[in-house]
C-alpha atoms as a PDB file:
ATOM      1  CA  UNK A   1      34.681-173.386 -88.899  1.00  0.00           C
ATOM      2  CA  UNK A   2      34.851-169.788 -87.690  1.00  0.00           C
ATOM      3  CA  UNK A   3      35.194-166.683 -89.502  1.00  0.00           C
ATOM      4  CA  UNK A   4      38.757-165.319 -89.575  1.00  0.00           C
ATOM      5  CA  UNK A   5      39.398-163.078 -86.261  1.00  0.00           C
ATOM      6  CA  UNK A   6      38.452-159.444 -86.510  1.00  0.00           C
ATOM      7  CA  UNK A   7      35.731-157.034 -84.915  1.00  0.00           C
ATOM      8  CA  UNK A   8      32.540-158.316 -85.666  1.00  0.00           C
ATOM      9  CA  UNK A   9      31.325-154.574 -85.637  1.00  0.00           C
ATOM     10  CA  UNK A  10      33.362-153.966 -88.791  1.00  0.00           C
ATOM     11  CA  UNK A  11      32.562-156.877 -90.911  1.00  0.00           C
ATOM     12  CA  UNK A  12      31.226-156.049 -94.344  1.00  0.00           C
ATOM     13  CA  UNK A  13      28.201-158.177 -95.621  1.00  0.00           C
ATOM     14  CA  UNK A  14      30.212-159.127 -98.531  1.00  0.00           C
ATOM     15  CA  UNK A  15      32.719-160.664 -96.414  1.00  0.00           C
ATOM     16  CA  UNK A  16      30.125-162.668 -94.484  1.00  0.00           C
ATOM     17  CA  UNK A  17      28.632-163.557 -97.570  1.00  0.00           C
ATOM     18  CA  UNK A  18      31.952-164.719 -99.143  1.00  0.00           C
ATOM     19  CA  UNK A  19      32.696-166.604 -96.115  1.00  0.00           C
ATOM     20  CA  UNK A  20      29.177-168.581 -96.162  1.00  0.00           C
ATOM     21  CA  UNK A  21      29.545-169.314 -99.902  1.00  0.00           C
ATOM     22  CA  UNK A  22      32.947-171.060 -99.058  1.00  0.00           C
ATOM     23  CA  UNK A  23      31.162-173.060 -96.458  1.00  0.00           C
ATOM     24  CA  UNK A  24      28.497-174.036 -98.944  1.00  0.00           C
ATOM     25  CA  UNK A  25      31.343-174.770-101.548  1.00  0.00           C
ATOM     26  CA  UNK A  26      33.245-177.148 -98.815  1.00  0.00           C
ATOM     27  CA  UNK A  27      30.053-178.680 -97.899  1.00  0.00           C
ATOM     28  CA  UNK A  28      30.179-177.335 -94.285  1.00  0.00           C
ATOM     29  CA  UNK A  29      26.642-176.301 -95.076  1.00  0.00           C
ATOM     30  CA  UNK A  30      25.107-179.330 -97.088  1.00  0.00           C
ATOM     31  CA  UNK A  31      22.110-179.437 -99.364  1.00  0.00           C
ATOM     32  CA  UNK A  32      18.982-180.132 -97.354  1.00  0.00           C
ATOM     33  CA  UNK A  33      20.413-179.090 -93.926  1.00  0.00           C
ATOM     34  CA  UNK A  34      18.402-176.796 -91.749  1.00  0.00           C
ATOM     35  CA  UNK A  35      20.367-174.105 -89.792  1.00  0.00           C
ATOM     36  CA  UNK A  36      19.556-170.980 -87.599  1.00  0.00           C
ATOM     37  CA  UNK A  37      20.928-167.740 -87.623  1.00  0.00           C
ATOM     38  CA  UNK A  38      21.824-168.143 -83.863  1.00  0.00           C
ATOM     39  CA  UNK A  39      23.423-171.589 -84.600  1.00  0.00           C
ATOM     40  CA  UNK A  40      25.525-170.145 -87.188  1.00  0.00           C
ATOM     41  CA  UNK A  41      26.406-167.267 -85.024  1.00  0.00           C
ATOM     42  CA  UNK A  42      27.610-169.506 -82.128  1.00  0.00           C
ATOM     43  CA  UNK A  43      29.627-171.576 -84.666  1.00  0.00           C
ATOM     44  CA  UNK A  44      31.255-168.932 -86.616  1.00  0.00           C
ATOM     45  CA  UNK A  45      31.645-166.049 -84.228  1.00  0.00           C
ATOM     46  CA  UNK A  46      29.635-163.550 -86.767  1.00  0.00           C
ATOM     47  CA  UNK A  47      27.581-161.009 -85.359  1.00  0.00           C
ATOM     48  CA  UNK A  48      23.598-161.912 -86.184  1.00  0.00           C
ATOM     49  CA  UNK A  49      22.953-158.693 -88.204  1.00  0.00           C
ATOM     50  CA  UNK A  50      25.510-159.088 -91.029  1.00  0.00           C
ATOM     51  CA  UNK A  51      25.050-162.739 -90.925  1.00  0.00           C
ATOM     52  CA  UNK A  52      21.300-162.259 -91.644  1.00  0.00           C
ATOM     53  CA  UNK A  53      21.900-159.747 -94.275  1.00  0.00           C
ATOM     54  CA  UNK A  54      24.279-162.491 -96.142  1.00  0.00           C
ATOM     55  CA  UNK A  55      21.849-165.170 -95.943  1.00  0.00           C
ATOM     56  CA  UNK A  56      19.041-162.809 -97.115  1.00  0.00           C
ATOM     57  CA  UNK A  57      21.468-162.571-100.110  1.00  0.00           C
ATOM     58  CA  UNK A  58      21.975-166.096-100.633  1.00  0.00           C
ATOM     59  CA  UNK A  59      18.141-166.611-100.366  1.00  0.00           C
ATOM     60  CA  UNK A  60      17.679-164.103-103.354  1.00  0.00           C
ATOM     61  CA  UNK A  61      20.192-166.090-105.603  1.00  0.00           C
ATOM     62  CA  UNK A  62      18.515-169.210-104.681  1.00  0.00           C
ATOM     63  CA  UNK A  63      21.272-171.044-102.301  1.00  0.00           C
ATOM     64  CA  UNK A  64      18.940-171.015 -99.324  1.00  0.00           C
ATOM     65  CA  UNK A  65      15.413-170.602 -97.998  1.00  0.00           C
ATOM     66  CA  UNK A  66      13.904-168.788 -94.945  1.00  0.00           C
ATOM     67  CA  UNK A  67      11.058-171.014 -93.447  1.00  0.00           C
ATOM     68  CA  UNK A  68       8.929-169.681 -90.773  1.00  0.00           C
ATOM     69  CA  UNK A  69       9.210-171.892 -87.582  1.00  0.00           C
ATOM     70  CA  UNK A  70      11.904-174.009 -89.205  1.00  0.00           C
ATOM     71  CA  UNK A  71      14.939-172.068 -89.707  1.00  0.00           C
ATOM     72  CA  UNK A  72      16.998-171.556 -92.941  1.00  0.00           C
ATOM     73  CA  UNK A  73      17.088-174.507 -95.175  1.00  0.00           C
ATOM     74  CA  UNK A  74      20.239-175.016 -97.754  1.00  0.00           C
ATOM     75  CA  UNK A  75      18.443-175.596-100.936  1.00  0.00           C
ATOM     76  CA  UNK A  76      18.896-179.012-102.853  1.00  0.00           C
ATOM     77  CA  UNK A  77      19.115-179.292-106.645  1.00  0.00           C
ATOM     78  CA  UNK A  78      16.621-181.869-108.349  1.00  0.00           C
ATOM     79  CA  UNK A  79      16.998-182.776-111.933  1.00  0.00           C
ATOM     80  CA  UNK A  80      14.230-180.306-113.086  1.00  0.00           C
ATOM     81  CA  UNK A  81      16.033-177.748-111.423  1.00  0.00           C
ATOM     82  CA  UNK A  82      19.315-178.634-113.124  1.00  0.00           C
ATOM     83  CA  UNK A  83      17.595-178.630-116.499  1.00  0.00           C
ATOM     84  CA  UNK A  84      15.914-175.236-115.940  1.00  0.00           C
ATOM     85  CA  UNK A  85      19.102-173.821-114.946  1.00  0.00           C
ATOM     86  CA  UNK A  86      21.180-175.008-117.649  1.00  0.00           C
ATOM     87  CA  UNK A  87      18.634-173.577-119.971  1.00  0.00           C
ATOM     88  CA  UNK A  88      18.867-170.335-118.520  1.00  0.00           C
ATOM     89  CA  UNK A  89      22.739-170.728-118.622  1.00  0.00           C
ATOM     90  CA  UNK A  90      22.926-171.422-122.074  1.00  0.00           C
ATOM     91  CA  UNK A  91      20.688-168.579-123.272  1.00  0.00           C
ATOM     92  CA  UNK A  92      22.891-166.031-121.422  1.00  0.00           C
ATOM     93  CA  UNK A  93      26.195-167.559-122.393  1.00  0.00           C
ATOM     94  CA  UNK A  94      25.266-167.553-126.130  1.00  0.00           C
ATOM     95  CA  UNK A  95      23.950-164.060-125.909  1.00  0.00           C
ATOM     96  CA  UNK A  96      27.295-163.008-124.514  1.00  0.00           C
ATOM     97  CA  UNK A  97      29.115-164.680-127.168  1.00  0.00           C
ATOM     98  CA  UNK A  98      27.084-162.944-129.838  1.00  0.00           C
ATOM     99  CA  UNK A  99      27.732-159.591-128.505  1.00  0.00           C
ATOM    100  CA  UNK A 100      31.427-160.060-128.272  1.00  0.00           C
ATOM    101  CA  UNK A 101      32.062-162.542-130.923  1.00  0.00           C
ATOM    102  CA  UNK A 102      34.027-160.187-133.341  1.00  0.00           C
ATOM    103  CA  UNK A 103      36.600-159.606-130.265  1.00  0.00           C
ATOM    104  CA  UNK A 104      37.647-163.127-130.025  1.00  0.00           C
ATOM    105  CA  UNK A 105      41.272-163.360-131.516  1.00  0.00           C
ATOM    106  CA  UNK A 106      43.640-166.120-132.279  1.00  0.00           C
ATOM    107  CA  UNK A 107      45.232-165.793-128.796  1.00  0.00           C
ATOM    108  CA  UNK A 108      41.834-166.608-127.291  1.00  0.00           C
ATOM    109  CA  UNK A 109      41.287-169.407-129.367  1.00  0.00           C
ATOM    110  CA  UNK A 110      44.819-170.847-128.374  1.00  0.00           C
ATOM    111  CA  UNK A 111      43.805-170.328-124.791  1.00  0.00           C
ATOM    112  CA  UNK A 112      40.531-172.307-124.938  1.00  0.00           C
ATOM    113  CA  UNK A 113      42.330-175.020-126.595  1.00  0.00           C
ATOM    114  CA  UNK A 114      45.008-175.216-123.843  1.00  0.00           C
ATOM    115  CA  UNK A 115      42.493-175.197-121.037  1.00  0.00           C
ATOM    116  CA  UNK A 116      40.445-177.897-122.989  1.00  0.00           C
ATOM    117  CA  UNK A 117      43.263-180.261-122.986  1.00  0.00           C
ATOM    118  CA  UNK A 118      43.981-179.673-119.515  1.00  0.00           C
ATOM    119  CA  UNK A 119      40.349-180.345-118.463  1.00  0.00           C
ATOM    120  CA  UNK A 120      40.786-183.724-120.504  1.00  0.00           C
ATOM    121  CA  UNK A 121      43.636-184.758-118.361  1.00  0.00           C
ATOM    122  CA  UNK A 122      41.557-184.292-114.994  1.00  0.00           C
ATOM    123  CA  UNK A 123      40.320-187.348-113.441  1.00  0.00           C
ATOM    124  CA  UNK A 124      38.177-187.999-110.752  1.00  0.00           C
ATOM    125  CA  UNK A 125      40.979-188.790-108.384  1.00  0.00           C
ATOM    126  CA  UNK A 126      41.702-184.932-108.347  1.00  0.00           C
ATOM    127  CA  UNK A 127      39.453-182.273-106.648  1.00  0.00           C
ATOM    128  CA  UNK A 128      36.157-181.881-108.220  1.00  0.00           C
ATOM    129  CA  UNK A 129      36.200-178.137-107.792  1.00  0.00           C
ATOM    130  CA  UNK A 130      39.205-177.930-110.195  1.00  0.00           C
ATOM    131  CA  UNK A 131      37.444-179.214-113.007  1.00  0.00           C
ATOM    132  CA  UNK A 132      34.695-176.792-112.467  1.00  0.00           C
ATOM    133  CA  UNK A 133      36.998-174.093-112.159  1.00  0.00           C
ATOM    134  CA  UNK A 134      38.713-175.169-115.487  1.00  0.00           C
ATOM    135  CA  UNK A 135      35.410-175.390-117.066  1.00  0.00           C
ATOM    136  CA  UNK A 136      34.695-171.655-116.191  1.00  0.00           C
ATOM    137  CA  UNK A 137      38.169-170.589-117.105  1.00  0.00           C
ATOM    138  CA  UNK A 138      37.269-171.977-120.992  1.00  0.00           C
ATOM    139  CA  UNK A 139      34.182-170.135-121.013  1.00  0.00           C
ATOM    140  CA  UNK A 140      35.446-167.043-119.546  1.00  0.00           C
ATOM    141  CA  UNK A 141      38.290-166.756-122.328  1.00  0.00           C
ATOM    142  CA  UNK A 142      35.337-165.285-124.197  1.00  0.00           C
ATOM    143  CA  UNK A 143      32.890-164.222-121.509  1.00  0.00           C
ATOM    144  CA  UNK A 144      35.422-161.707-120.092  1.00  0.00           C
ATOM    145  CA  UNK A 145      35.267-159.696-123.268  1.00  0.00           C
ATOM    146  CA  UNK A 146      31.690-158.804-122.443  1.00  0.00           C
ATOM    147  CA  UNK A 147      31.046-155.380-120.893  1.00  0.00           C
ATOM    148  CA  UNK A 148      27.468-156.364-119.486  1.00  0.00           C
ATOM    149  CA  UNK A 149      28.202-156.686-115.944  1.00  0.00           C
ATOM    150  CA  UNK A 150      24.428-157.659-115.121  1.00  0.00           C
ATOM    151  CA  UNK A 151      24.482-160.538-117.375  1.00  0.00           C
ATOM    152  CA  UNK A 152      27.963-161.717-116.183  1.00  0.00           C
ATOM    153  CA  UNK A 153      26.847-161.555-112.749  1.00  0.00           C
ATOM    154  CA  UNK A 154      23.665-163.763-113.549  1.00  0.00           C
ATOM    155  CA  UNK A 155      25.975-166.240-115.345  1.00  0.00           C
ATOM    156  CA  UNK A 156      28.290-166.392-112.368  1.00  0.00           C
ATOM    157  CA  UNK A 157      25.521-167.102-109.848  1.00  0.00           C
ATOM    158  CA  UNK A 158      23.986-169.787-111.828  1.00  0.00           C
ATOM    159  CA  UNK A 159      27.267-171.477-112.312  1.00  0.00           C
ATOM    160  CA  UNK A 160      27.963-171.245-108.512  1.00  0.00           C
ATOM    161  CA  UNK A 161      24.590-172.977-107.705  1.00  0.00           C
ATOM    162  CA  UNK A 162      25.372-175.845-110.236  1.00  0.00           C
ATOM    163  CA  UNK A 163      28.955-176.412-109.502  1.00  0.00           C
ATOM    164  CA  UNK A 164      29.353-175.308-105.780  1.00  0.00           C
ATOM    165  CA  UNK A 165      26.851-177.574-104.440  1.00  0.00           C
ATOM    166  CA  UNK A 166      29.268-180.381-105.325  1.00  0.00           C
ATOM    167  CA  UNK A 167      28.170-182.753-108.044  1.00  0.00           C
ATOM    168  CA  UNK A 168      29.159-186.744-107.642  1.00  0.00           C
ATOM    169  CA  UNK A 169      32.715-187.717-108.615  1.00  0.00           C
ATOM    170  CA  UNK A 170      31.165-190.255-111.115  1.00  0.00           C
ATOM    171  CA  UNK A 171      29.485-187.100-112.822  1.00  0.00           C
ATOM    172  CA  UNK A 172      32.931-185.926-114.063  1.00  0.00           C
ATOM    173  CA  UNK A 173      34.039-189.305-115.496  1.00  0.00           C
ATOM    174  CA  UNK A 174      30.757-189.540-117.300  1.00  0.00           C
ATOM    175  CA  UNK A 175      30.791-186.055-118.806  1.00  0.00           C
ATOM    176  CA  UNK A 176      34.568-185.694-119.388  1.00  0.00           C
ATOM    177  CA  UNK A 177      34.762-187.010-122.743  1.00  0.00           C
ATOM    178  CA  UNK A 178      31.467-185.557-123.996  1.00  0.00           C
ATOM    179  CA  UNK A 179      32.526-182.001-122.575  1.00  0.00           C
ATOM    180  CA  UNK A 180      35.890-182.374-124.269  1.00  0.00           C
ATOM    181  CA  UNK A 181      34.423-182.935-127.476  1.00  0.00           C
ATOM    182  CA  UNK A 182      31.915-180.357-127.369  1.00  0.00           C
ATOM    183  CA  UNK A 183      34.478-177.798-126.552  1.00  0.00           C
ATOM    184  CA  UNK A 184      36.481-178.820-129.769  1.00  0.00           C
ATOM    185  CA  UNK A 185      33.253-178.188-131.746  1.00  0.00           C
ATOM    186  CA  UNK A 186      32.597-174.909-130.140  1.00  0.00           C
ATOM    187  CA  UNK A 187      36.310-173.879-130.985  1.00  0.00           C
ATOM    188  CA  UNK A 188      35.943-175.099-134.318  1.00  0.00           C
ATOM    189  CA  UNK A 189      32.681-173.109-134.935  1.00  0.00           C
ATOM    190  CA  UNK A 190      34.581-170.035-133.615  1.00  0.00           C
ATOM    191  CA  UNK A 191      37.332-170.497-136.293  1.00  0.00           C
ATOM    192  CA  UNK A 192      34.739-170.852-138.894  1.00  0.00           C
ATOM    193  CA  UNK A 193      33.574-167.292-137.972  1.00  0.00           C
ATOM    194  CA  UNK A 194      29.929-167.962-137.822  1.00  0.00           C
ATOM    195  CA  UNK A 195      28.795-166.318-134.551  1.00  0.00           C
ATOM    196  CA  UNK A 196      25.068-167.710-134.997  1.00  0.00           C
ATOM    197  CA  UNK A 197      25.992-171.444-135.197  1.00  0.00           C
ATOM    198  CA  UNK A 198      28.354-170.963-132.116  1.00  0.00           C
ATOM    199  CA  UNK A 199      25.607-169.404-129.984  1.00  0.00           C
ATOM    200  CA  UNK A 200      22.970-171.957-131.256  1.00  0.00           C
ATOM    201  CA  UNK A 201      25.678-174.745-130.433  1.00  0.00           C
ATOM    202  CA  UNK A 202      26.180-173.322-126.916  1.00  0.00           C
ATOM    203  CA  UNK A 203      22.307-172.916-126.020  1.00  0.00           C
ATOM    204  CA  UNK A 204      20.949-175.976-127.932  1.00  0.00           C
ATOM    205  CA  UNK A 205      23.575-178.567-127.419  1.00  0.00           C
ATOM    206  CA  UNK A 206      26.548-177.497-124.954  1.00  0.00           C
ATOM    207  CA  UNK A 207      24.011-176.351-122.333  1.00  0.00           C
ATOM    208  CA  UNK A 208      21.642-179.187-122.660  1.00  0.00           C
ATOM    209  CA  UNK A 209      22.087-182.214-120.140  1.00  0.00           C
ATOM    210  CA  UNK A 210      21.482-185.924-120.736  1.00  0.00           C
ATOM    211  CA  UNK A 211      20.684-188.022-117.682  1.00  0.00           C
ATOM    212  CA  UNK A 212      21.169-191.272-119.269  1.00  0.00           C
END
């Protein structure tokens, strides 16, 4: 998979970064895989300098790790990593909701209900990324009311790491009903008008994981 044709000298790091993120999402770059800048440059036609800059940014965000004498490893996520990440995700999401709770309107609630119903109709025969995209859409109904760009950026990075490393198809089947019911509970708590209860539910229940 090569970068769309254009002058390498005019590539912006952000363009290369997004291109590499897409390769991660599509599993062209798989967790556990080792690559080198030279290999990626030859495969994609991207100049080494913007490629290295983009990979360094991906390392900061936890997607890859530069290992001396070995190359660059695409990071894998083990259960302990996932548990830690969901804990941070819940803390950030609940904090954002507390800050914008008074901005949530009946229109926002109606949209969340519609997205949740669409998620429930999703099956594992569909593309997995669409389910995760819908889940993001559900939470973004209220998260997008926040003006805390730093918090939103960190949330986005966490979600990308969790979902773009492609969880197994059976994962969706197991959590689809649970996620649907938790979203209904979350919406009911919002409708009751108790911001703290909603935030506590997101942090302590919705963003916790059960491996059973």
